Amino acid sequence: MESGSTQVARPLGQTLKKRPALFWVVLSALILVAAVVGAYTVAHVSKHSQARHDVQIIALALDGFALENRGYPQGTRAEICRLLRGESINGQNPRKLDYVEALPSEMNRAGEFLDPWGEPYRISADPNVRVYSCGPNRLDERGDGDDIANWK
């Protein structure tokens, strides 16, 4: 062994390679981008899932209301939402049965149910039950486009 040189014993097959700083910067940036994209994707899928769930629940609530009251609720979208939440309006829902529970944060000031993007769900029961969310683009496409509907 030459003097001035030091050797470190390593197990066979292992070598110590130094990575340049740029490698670690790029790797860190890629991990950060992957985390951001993953979080966005989860939030996006979660909102779609919530909207799909909500339109089915509202459609089922309308059917339940019709069975109990011999007809679908009539009125504005806000009045229909209030009827489904257990209010009695113009003789409809005289027993004040609750068909849907909603937190104040899930409704607007008029009392309409809101989708995950903050838009009121579109509700109609004339002649068929149709419930849909305008979807992420927030444009009312009558159930087409990216709208999330109970009949799709």
Protein backbone atom coordinates (compact mmCIF):
# COMPACT_ATOMS: atom_id res chain seq x y z
CA MET A 1 0.00 0.00 0.00
CA GLU A 2 1.23 3.42 -0.88
CA SER A 3 1.54 5.97 1.80
CA GLY A 4 -0.95 8.86 1.74
CA SER A 5 -3.71 6.81 0.15
CA THR A 6 -6.53 5.44 2.25
CA GLN A 7 -8.84 2.68 1.28
CA VAL A 8 -12.17 1.86 2.80
CA ALA A 9 -13.32 -1.71 2.96
CA ARG A 10 -16.68 -2.26 1.21
CA PRO A 11 -18.61 -5.45 0.65
CA LEU A 12 -18.03 -7.06 -2.72
CA GLY A 13 -20.16 -5.60 -5.52
CA GLN A 14 -20.72 -2.21 -3.91
CA THR A 15 -19.13 0.87 -5.25
CA LEU A 16 -19.57 4.39 -4.07
CA LYS A 17 -20.49 6.78 -6.85
CA LYS A 18 -20.98 10.44 -6.27
CA ARG A 19 -23.97 11.94 -8.05
CA PRO A 20 -23.63 15.48 -9.35
CA ALA A 21 -25.77 18.12 -7.64
CA LEU A 22 -27.78 18.61 -10.82
CA PHE A 23 -29.00 15.00 -10.60
CA TRP A 24 -30.47 15.62 -7.14
CA VAL A 25 -32.07 18.91 -8.22
CA VAL A 26 -33.72 17.26 -11.23
CA LEU A 27 -34.84 14.26 -9.16
CA SER A 28 -36.34 16.55 -6.51
CA ALA A 29 -38.16 18.58 -9.17
CA LEU A 30 -39.60 15.41 -10.74
CA ILE A 31 -40.83 14.17 -7.38
CA LEU A 32 -42.45 17.55 -6.68
CA VAL A 33 -44.18 17.60 -10.09
CA ALA A 34 -45.42 14.03 -9.58
CA ALA A 35 -46.84 14.96 -6.17
CA VAL A 36 -48.65 18.04 -7.54
CA VAL A 37 -50.08 16.13 -10.52
CA GLY A 38 -51.15 13.30 -8.23
CA ALA A 39 -52.89 15.66 -5.81
CA TYR A 40 -54.70 17.41 -8.68
CA THR A 41 -55.79 14.08 -10.16
CA VAL A 42 -57.13 12.84 -6.82
CA ALA A 43 -59.09 16.08 -6.28
CA HIS A 44 -60.45 15.96 -9.84
CA VAL A 45 -61.55 12.32 -9.55
CA SER A 46 -62.97 12.98 -6.09
CA LYS A 47 -65.18 15.83 -7.35
CA HIS A 48 -66.46 13.67 -10.21
CA SER A 49 -67.21 10.81 -7.82
CA GLN A 50 -69.02 13.15 -5.43
CA ALA A 51 -71.13 14.60 -8.25
CA ARG A 52 -72.02 11.12 -9.57
CA HIS A 53 -73.04 10.11 -6.06
CA ASP A 54 -75.08 13.26 -5.49
CA VAL A 55 -77.08 13.05 -8.72
CA GLN A 56 -78.01 9.45 -7.93
CA ILE A 57 -79.05 10.34 -4.36
CA ILE A 58 -81.17 13.28 -5.53
CA ALA A 59 -82.81 11.13 -8.23
CA LEU A 60 -83.60 8.42 -5.66
CA ALA A 61 -84.96 11.08 -3.28
CA LEU A 62 -87.28 12.34 -6.03
CA ASP A 63 -88.55 8.80 -6.61
CA GLY A 64 -89.06 8.31 -2.86
CA PHE A 65 -90.96 11.59 -2.67
CA ALA A 66 -93.17 10.48 -5.58
CA LEU A 67 -93.98 7.17 -3.90
CA GLU A 68 -94.93 8.82 -0.59
CA ASN A 69 -96.79 11.79 -2.06
CA ARG A 70 -98.32 10.28 -5.22
CA GLY A 71 -96.33 12.55 -7.49
CA TYR A 72 -93.05 14.31 -7.97
CA PRO A 73 -92.44 17.62 -6.22
CA GLN A 74 -93.48 20.71 -8.18
CA GLY A 75 -91.98 24.18 -8.02
CA THR A 76 -88.74 25.99 -8.58
CA ARG A 77 -85.44 24.17 -8.16
CA ALA A 78 -85.06 25.79 -4.72
CA GLU A 79 -88.57 24.72 -3.69
CA ILE A 80 -87.94 21.16 -4.84
CA CYS A 81 -84.73 21.07 -2.79
CA ARG A 82 -86.60 22.42 0.25
CA LEU A 83 -89.32 19.78 -0.19
CA LEU A 84 -86.68 17.03 -0.36
CA ARG A 85 -85.15 18.39 2.86
CA GLY A 86 -88.46 17.97 4.71
CA GLU A 87 -90.34 21.22 4.28
CA SER A 88 -93.99 21.39 3.31
CA ILE A 89 -94.75 23.86 0.52
CA ASN A 90 -98.20 24.47 -1.02
CA GLY A 91 -99.57 21.24 0.46
CA GLN A 92 -96.71 19.14 -0.89
CA ASN A 93 -94.95 16.87 1.61
CA PRO A 94 -97.58 17.41 4.34
CA ARG A 95 -95.87 14.89 6.64
CA LYS A 96 -92.60 16.86 6.29
CA LEU A 97 -90.52 13.79 5.47
CA ASP A 98 -86.79 14.23 4.86
CA TYR A 99 -85.51 12.64 1.66
CA VAL A 100 -82.08 14.29 1.50
CA GLU A 101 -79.77 15.64 4.17
CA ALA A 102 -77.59 18.57 3.17
CA LEU A 103 -75.17 20.72 5.10
CA PRO A 104 -75.44 24.51 4.74
CA SER A 105 -72.15 24.44 2.80
CA GLU A 106 -73.81 22.13 0.23
CA MET A 107 -76.53 24.65 -0.61
CA ASN A 108 -76.67 28.17 -1.97
CA ARG A 109 -78.67 31.04 -0.43
CA ALA A 110 -81.76 30.04 -2.39
CA GLY A 111 -81.59 26.56 -0.84
CA GLU A 112 -80.51 24.72 -3.99
CA PHE A 113 -78.14 21.75 -3.71
CA LEU A 114 -74.65 22.61 -4.99
CA ASP A 115 -72.31 20.38 -6.94
CA PRO A 116 -68.60 20.12 -6.02
CA TRP A 117 -67.82 23.05 -8.35
CA GLY A 118 -70.29 25.35 -6.55
CA GLU A 119 -73.04 25.26 -9.18
CA PRO A 120 -76.64 24.23 -8.45
CA TYR A 121 -77.63 20.74 -9.53
CA ARG A 122 -80.17 20.82 -12.35
CA ILE A 123 -83.32 18.99 -11.25
CA SER A 124 -86.45 18.16 -13.18
CA ALA A 125 -89.13 15.49 -12.91
CA ASP A 126 -91.31 16.39 -15.86
CA PRO A 127 -92.01 13.79 -17.20
CA ASN A 128 -88.83 11.83 -16.33
CA VAL A 129 -86.46 12.34 -13.42
CA ARG A 130 -83.40 14.20 -14.67
CA VAL A 131 -80.68 15.35 -12.28
CA TYR A 132 -77.31 16.57 -13.44
CA SER A 133 -74.28 18.65 -12.54
CA CYS A 134 -72.82 21.10 -15.05
CA GLY A 135 -69.46 19.46 -14.37
CA PRO A 136 -66.01 21.01 -14.12
CA ASN A 137 -66.56 23.47 -16.99
CA ARG A 138 -69.63 24.85 -15.15
CA LEU A 139 -71.55 25.17 -18.41
CA ASP A 140 -75.11 23.86 -18.61
CA GLU A 141 -74.96 21.46 -21.53
CA ARG A 142 -78.32 19.86 -20.64
CA GLY A 143 -76.61 16.67 -19.49
CA ASP A 144 -74.23 16.43 -22.46
CA GLY A 145 -70.54 17.35 -22.69
CA ASP A 146 -68.81 17.02 -19.34
CA ASP A 147 -72.11 17.25 -17.41
CA ILE A 148 -72.59 14.46 -14.87
CA ALA A 149 -76.13 13.09 -15.13
CA ASN A 150 -78.18 10.40 -13.44
CA TRP A 151 -79.06 8.82 -16.82
CA LYS A 152 -75.47 8.43 -18.09
